[in-house]
Amino acid sequence: MAITPVPKGQLATIVTCLEMHRRPAPALPARSVLKLVRWPAPVDVAAYLALFRRIGEPWLWRGRLVLAADVLAAILNAETTEIHVASRRDGTPMGLIELDFSQTGACEIVYFGLEPAMTGRGHGRWLMDHALRLAWRPGIGRVWLHTCDLDHPAALDFYRKSGFSPFERWVETYPDPRLDGCYAGNPAPHVPII
């Protein structure tokens, strides 16, 4: 057994990559009070980051928060990127699907999530049904995503029940977003700050 110390101020997480190579069989459509809206280019970076932060704060998402605004805008507005937002009827964004079609024949679900108040009420199933419908289009033979052990405790099981199979695992180490200015305070008390 190998033990590698994690430097102070850093987080280490186990990342699991999952994929599917066939469109799932049609199922009874999940229902939700939310509606799905595509945010076409040019995407409002500030609005995207506000939603990203609200969804990801309990799970210490940081990937988009550490990018320069112009770099993030280039990613979000690329021809191969699609941003879809689950909104309440009043237009308040509550969930996110970010799809990347930059690899020929594949779609990566780069970010997928709901605000914490919306989880555990069936909205995730509804959002995943939409994500898979949007990802599986002509020419796509693989849809994949990744999660980590800092994510919602049910995330890995949810993805497997959605039809994804694990294919790779790695350990990722990065600065704790509570210490580098991404999040104020301690939004994830279940992960100790060291």
Protein backbone atom coordinates (compact mmCIF):
# COMPACT_ATOMS: atom_id res chain seq x y z
CA MET A 1 0.00 0.00 0.00
CA ALA A 2 1.34 3.41 -0.96
CA ILE A 3 0.53 6.47 1.14
CA THR A 4 1.17 9.91 -0.32
CA PRO A 5 0.79 12.87 2.04
CA VAL A 6 -1.37 15.72 0.76
CA PRO A 7 0.23 19.13 1.32
CA LYS A 8 -1.52 21.55 3.66
CA GLY A 9 -3.97 23.76 1.82
CA GLN A 10 -4.61 21.09 -0.81
CA LEU A 11 -7.44 18.63 -1.37
CA ALA A 12 -7.09 15.15 -2.78
CA THR A 13 -10.01 13.35 -4.35
CA ILE A 14 -10.61 10.09 -6.16
CA VAL A 15 -12.08 10.76 -9.60
CA THR A 16 -14.12 8.07 -11.34
CA CYS A 17 -14.75 8.31 -15.10
CA LEU A 18 -17.86 6.64 -16.48
CA GLU A 19 -19.08 6.04 -20.02
CA MET A 20 -21.82 4.51 -22.12
CA HIS A 21 -21.54 3.32 -25.71
CA ARG A 22 -25.21 2.88 -26.49
CA ARG A 23 -28.17 5.18 -26.18
CA PRO A 24 -30.24 3.97 -23.21
CA ALA A 25 -33.57 2.37 -23.92
CA PRO A 26 -36.46 4.81 -23.71
CA ALA A 27 -37.96 4.98 -20.24
CA LEU A 28 -41.01 6.64 -18.81
CA PRO A 29 -40.13 10.31 -18.83
CA ALA A 30 -39.28 11.77 -15.45
CA ARG A 31 -41.27 14.83 -14.47
CA SER A 32 -40.17 18.11 -12.99
CA VAL A 33 -41.52 21.57 -12.31
CA LEU A 34 -38.34 22.83 -13.97
CA LYS A 35 -37.97 23.65 -17.65
CA LEU A 36 -34.81 23.26 -19.70
CA VAL A 37 -33.47 26.30 -21.55
CA ARG A 38 -30.42 26.48 -23.80
CA TRP A 39 -28.08 29.38 -23.14
CA PRO A 40 -26.78 30.18 -26.63
CA ALA A 41 -23.48 31.91 -27.30
CA PRO A 42 -22.43 34.37 -26.17
CA VAL A 43 -23.04 32.89 -22.71
CA ASP A 44 -23.23 35.39 -19.86
CA VAL A 45 -20.10 34.32 -17.95
CA ALA A 46 -21.18 36.02 -14.72
CA ALA A 47 -24.57 34.26 -14.76
CA TYR A 48 -22.88 30.94 -15.55
CA LEU A 49 -20.40 31.35 -12.69
CA ALA A 50 -23.15 32.33 -10.24
CA LEU A 51 -25.07 29.14 -11.08
CA PHE A 52 -21.89 27.02 -11.07
CA ARG A 53 -21.05 28.36 -7.60
CA ARG A 54 -24.54 27.73 -6.18
CA ILE A 55 -24.59 24.16 -7.48
CA GLY A 56 -21.00 23.29 -6.71
CA GLU A 57 -20.34 25.00 -3.39
CA PRO A 58 -21.27 22.03 -1.13
CA TRP A 59 -19.08 19.75 -3.27
CA LEU A 60 -16.19 22.21 -3.64
CA TRP A 61 -16.44 22.51 -7.43
CA ARG A 62 -13.67 24.79 -8.58
CA GLY A 63 -12.82 24.02 -12.22
CA ARG A 64 -14.60 26.99 -13.78
CA LEU A 65 -13.96 29.37 -10.87
CA VAL A 66 -10.19 29.43 -11.35
CA LEU A 67 -10.23 30.28 -15.05
CA ALA A 68 -9.70 33.78 -16.37
CA ALA A 69 -12.96 35.25 -17.70
CA ASP A 70 -11.74 35.31 -21.30
CA VAL A 71 -10.59 31.67 -21.13
CA LEU A 72 -13.92 30.57 -19.67
CA ALA A 73 -15.84 32.60 -22.26
CA ALA A 74 -13.88 30.90 -25.04
CA ILE A 75 -14.80 27.47 -23.66
CA LEU A 76 -18.47 28.28 -23.08
CA ASN A 77 -18.88 29.93 -26.48
CA ALA A 78 -17.03 27.30 -28.51
CA GLU A 79 -19.04 25.75 -31.34
CA THR A 80 -18.55 22.35 -29.67
CA THR A 81 -19.98 23.44 -26.29
CA GLU A 82 -23.64 23.52 -25.28
CA ILE A 83 -24.98 25.02 -22.06
CA HIS A 84 -28.47 23.97 -20.95
CA VAL A 85 -30.01 25.31 -17.77
CA ALA A 86 -32.88 23.93 -15.72
CA SER A 87 -34.96 26.88 -14.59
CA ARG A 88 -37.98 27.47 -12.44
CA ARG A 89 -41.01 28.85 -14.27
CA ASP A 90 -40.00 32.35 -13.15
CA GLY A 91 -36.67 31.91 -14.97
CA THR A 92 -34.47 31.32 -11.90
CA PRO A 93 -31.66 28.93 -12.91
CA MET A 94 -31.57 25.83 -10.70
CA GLY A 95 -29.57 23.23 -12.67
CA LEU A 96 -26.84 22.90 -15.26
CA ILE A 97 -25.86 20.63 -18.14
CA GLU A 98 -22.63 21.48 -19.93
CA LEU A 99 -21.90 19.31 -22.97
CA ASP A 100 -18.64 19.12 -24.91
CA PHE A 101 -18.70 17.69 -28.45
CA SER A 102 -15.07 18.56 -29.28
CA GLN A 103 -13.96 14.92 -29.54
CA THR A 104 -15.18 13.27 -32.76
CA GLY A 105 -17.88 10.68 -32.06
CA ALA A 106 -18.12 11.50 -28.35
CA CYS A 107 -19.92 13.80 -25.95
CA GLU A 108 -18.59 14.64 -22.52
CA ILE A 109 -21.08 15.76 -19.91
CA VAL A 110 -18.60 18.21 -18.42
CA TYR A 111 -20.82 19.58 -15.66
CA PHE A 112 -24.15 18.26 -14.45
CA GLY A 113 -25.88 19.34 -11.29
CA LEU A 114 -28.71 20.94 -9.39
CA GLU A 115 -28.82 23.45 -6.60
CA PRO A 116 -28.78 21.53 -3.30
CA ALA A 117 -32.41 22.43 -2.49
CA MET A 118 -33.50 20.60 -5.66
CA THR A 119 -31.70 17.29 -5.04
CA GLY A 120 -33.45 14.17 -3.80
CA ARG A 121 -36.80 15.15 -5.34
CA GLY A 122 -36.61 13.49 -8.77
CA HIS A 123 -35.28 16.53 -10.62
CA GLY A 124 -31.90 14.86 -11.15
CA ARG A 125 -33.48 11.98 -13.06
CA TRP A 126 -35.38 14.49 -15.20
CA LEU A 127 -32.21 16.49 -15.85
CA MET A 128 -30.22 13.35 -16.76
CA ASP A 129 -32.96 12.23 -19.16
CA HIS A 130 -32.52 15.56 -20.92
CA ALA A 131 -28.71 15.38 -20.81
CA LEU A 132 -28.73 11.96 -22.47
CA ARG A 133 -31.29 13.01 -25.07
CA LEU A 134 -29.13 16.02 -25.96
CA ALA A 135 -25.85 14.05 -25.94
CA TRP A 136 -26.99 11.11 -28.09
CA ARG A 137 -27.28 12.60 -31.54
CA PRO A 138 -26.25 11.26 -34.93
CA GLY A 139 -22.54 10.48 -35.05
CA ILE A 140 -22.13 10.04 -31.28
CA GLY A 141 -20.97 6.60 -30.15
CA ARG A 142 -19.79 7.41 -26.64
CA VAL A 143 -21.10 9.63 -23.85
CA TRP A 144 -18.96 10.04 -20.77
CA LEU A 145 -18.57 12.02 -17.57
CA HIS A 146 -16.61 11.98 -14.36
CA THR A 147 -17.37 12.43 -10.68
CA CYS A 148 -15.31 12.39 -7.52
CA ASP A 149 -15.63 11.41 -3.89
CA LEU A 150 -16.16 15.07 -2.90
CA ASP A 151 -19.36 15.14 -5.00
CA HIS A 152 -22.85 14.35 -3.70
CA PRO A 153 -22.68 10.97 -1.91
CA ALA A 154 -25.28 9.52 -4.29
CA ALA A 155 -23.64 10.82 -7.51
CA LEU A 156 -21.65 7.71 -8.47
CA ASP A 157 -24.58 5.38 -7.86
CA PHE A 158 -26.91 7.76 -9.75
CA TYR A 159 -24.64 7.73 -12.80
CA ARG A 160 -24.40 3.94 -12.74
CA LYS A 161 -28.19 3.62 -12.49
CA SER A 162 -28.42 6.02 -15.43
CA GLY A 163 -26.52 3.49 -17.57
CA PHE A 164 -22.91 4.64 -17.22
CA SER A 165 -20.10 2.16 -16.49
CA PRO A 166 -16.86 3.10 -14.72
CA PHE A 167 -13.77 2.81 -16.92
CA GLU A 168 -11.00 4.77 -15.19
CA ARG A 169 -10.03 6.14 -11.80
CA TRP A 170 -7.36 8.64 -10.74
CA VAL A 171 -6.38 10.78 -7.76
CA GLU A 172 -6.50 14.54 -8.24
CA THR A 173 -4.83 17.05 -5.92
CA TYR A 174 -5.50 20.78 -6.10
CA PRO A 175 -5.69 23.91 -3.91
CA ASP A 176 -8.58 23.90 -1.45
CA PRO A 177 -11.10 26.36 -2.98
CA ARG A 178 -12.04 27.57 0.50
CA LEU A 179 -8.47 28.79 0.98
CA ASP A 180 -7.73 30.20 -2.48
CA GLY A 181 -10.68 32.59 -2.60
CA CYS A 182 -13.20 30.57 -4.63
CA TYR A 183 -15.56 30.14 -1.65
CA ALA A 184 -15.92 32.10 1.55
CA GLY A 185 -16.09 30.34 4.88
CA ASN A 186 -16.44 26.58 5.03
CA PRO A 187 -19.29 25.54 2.71
CA ALA A 188 -18.32 21.86 2.93
CA PRO A 189 -17.76 21.16 6.65
CA HIS A 190 -17.76 17.42 5.92
CA VAL A 191 -14.31 17.95 4.29
CA PRO A 192 -11.84 19.21 6.91
CA ILE A 193 -9.63 22.17 6.06
CA ILE A 194 -5.99 21.27 6.71
